[in-house]
């Protein structure tokens, strides 16, 4: 992609995503999942291609009587990942 197509201001929501190309982003997904990785591509459906991805899944432990015992997290790393857009809730720069 050449620099002529990259907006310098944000006029539409997808302009902010375009400014994040080749940058590290934080993605919140359905199902208590989050991703952090480098954004390589996206489309109007919010399908994403990320590299150097760390996925974090929050798991609520529940007792047999339905009481929540606590929340634990599981993490995994992937070199490259395609994310289906209907699972995406939010995209943001990662917090430090």
Protein backbone atom coordinates (compact mmCIF):
# COMPACT_ATOMS: atom_id res chain seq x y z
CA UNK A 1 0.00 0.00 0.00
CA UNK A 2 1.43 3.40 -0.90
CA UNK A 3 1.33 6.40 1.41
CA UNK A 4 -1.12 8.30 -0.83
CA UNK A 5 -4.03 6.11 0.34
CA UNK A 6 -3.35 6.44 4.06
CA UNK A 7 -5.55 9.11 5.66
CA UNK A 8 -3.97 11.74 7.90
CA UNK A 9 -7.22 12.32 9.79
CA UNK A 10 -10.07 10.13 10.91
CA UNK A 11 -13.34 10.85 9.10
CA UNK A 12 -14.83 7.34 9.18
CA UNK A 13 -14.38 4.49 11.67
CA UNK A 14 -12.34 2.37 9.27
CA UNK A 15 -9.87 5.25 8.82
CA UNK A 16 -8.64 4.58 12.35
CA UNK A 17 -8.08 0.92 11.48
CA UNK A 18 -6.21 1.94 8.32
CA UNK A 19 -3.89 4.11 10.42
CA UNK A 20 -3.12 1.00 12.51
CA UNK A 21 -1.84 -1.11 9.59
CA UNK A 22 1.60 -2.57 10.36
CA UNK A 23 1.16 -1.47 13.98
CA UNK A 24 0.55 -3.50 17.12
CA UNK A 25 -3.16 -3.56 18.06
CA UNK A 26 -5.38 -4.89 20.83
CA UNK A 27 -8.50 -6.76 19.64
CA UNK A 28 -11.40 -7.71 21.92
CA UNK A 29 -13.41 -10.69 20.69
CA UNK A 30 -16.63 -12.42 21.68
CA UNK A 31 -16.28 -15.21 24.19
CA UNK A 32 -14.00 -13.37 26.65
CA UNK A 33 -11.03 -13.49 24.28
CA UNK A 34 -8.47 -10.80 23.53
CA UNK A 35 -5.66 -10.62 20.99
CA UNK A 36 -2.55 -8.49 20.70
CA UNK A 37 -0.64 -8.56 17.45
CA UNK A 38 0.54 -6.69 14.37
CA UNK A 39 -2.30 -5.79 11.98
CA UNK A 40 -1.50 -6.71 8.37
CA UNK A 41 -4.89 -6.57 6.64
CA UNK A 42 -8.60 -5.96 7.23
CA UNK A 43 -11.78 -5.59 5.20
CA UNK A 44 -15.20 -3.94 5.53
CA UNK A 45 -16.50 -6.97 7.48
CA UNK A 46 -13.67 -6.44 10.01
CA UNK A 47 -11.98 -9.71 9.05
CA UNK A 48 -8.39 -9.28 10.25
CA UNK A 49 -4.97 -10.76 9.52
CA UNK A 50 -2.58 -10.46 12.47
CA UNK A 51 0.97 -11.67 13.08
CA UNK A 52 2.99 -12.17 16.28
CA UNK A 53 -0.30 -12.80 18.09
CA UNK A 54 -0.84 -13.40 21.78
CA UNK A 55 -4.35 -14.68 22.57
CA UNK A 56 -5.73 -14.44 26.10
CA UNK A 57 -8.86 -16.36 27.08
CA UNK A 58 -10.65 -15.63 30.37
CA UNK A 59 -12.16 -18.77 31.89
CA UNK A 60 -14.70 -18.60 34.73
CA UNK A 61 -14.48 -21.61 37.02
CA UNK A 62 -17.97 -22.65 38.18
CA UNK A 63 -18.84 -25.11 40.92
CA UNK A 64 -21.44 -27.85 40.43
CA UNK A 65 -24.11 -25.68 42.09
CA UNK A 66 -23.44 -22.83 39.64
CA UNK A 67 -21.39 -20.59 41.93
CA UNK A 68 -18.49 -18.77 40.30
CA UNK A 69 -15.23 -19.81 41.97
CA UNK A 70 -12.91 -17.45 40.18
CA UNK A 71 -11.51 -16.36 36.87
CA UNK A 72 -8.32 -17.70 35.35
CA UNK A 73 -6.64 -16.88 32.07
CA UNK A 74 -5.03 -19.04 29.43
CA UNK A 75 -2.56 -17.61 26.92
CA UNK A 76 -1.12 -18.88 23.66
CA UNK A 77 1.06 -17.41 20.93
CA UNK A 78 0.66 -17.74 17.17
CA UNK A 79 2.82 -16.58 14.26
CA UNK A 80 -0.12 -15.64 12.00
CA UNK A 81 -3.88 -15.55 12.54
CA UNK A 82 -7.00 -14.82 10.48
CA UNK A 83 -9.86 -13.44 12.60
CA UNK A 84 -13.43 -13.61 11.33
CA UNK A 85 -15.02 -10.18 11.56
CA UNK A 86 -18.26 -11.18 13.27
CA UNK A 87 -16.24 -12.08 16.39
CA UNK A 88 -14.59 -8.64 16.65
CA UNK A 89 -15.97 -6.26 19.28
CA UNK A 90 -13.21 -3.63 19.44
CA UNK A 91 -9.81 -2.72 17.96
CA UNK A 92 -7.47 -0.34 19.80
CA UNK A 93 -3.79 0.46 20.25
CA UNK A 94 -2.42 -1.80 23.01
CA UNK A 95 -2.15 -0.40 26.52
CA UNK A 96 1.40 -0.28 27.88
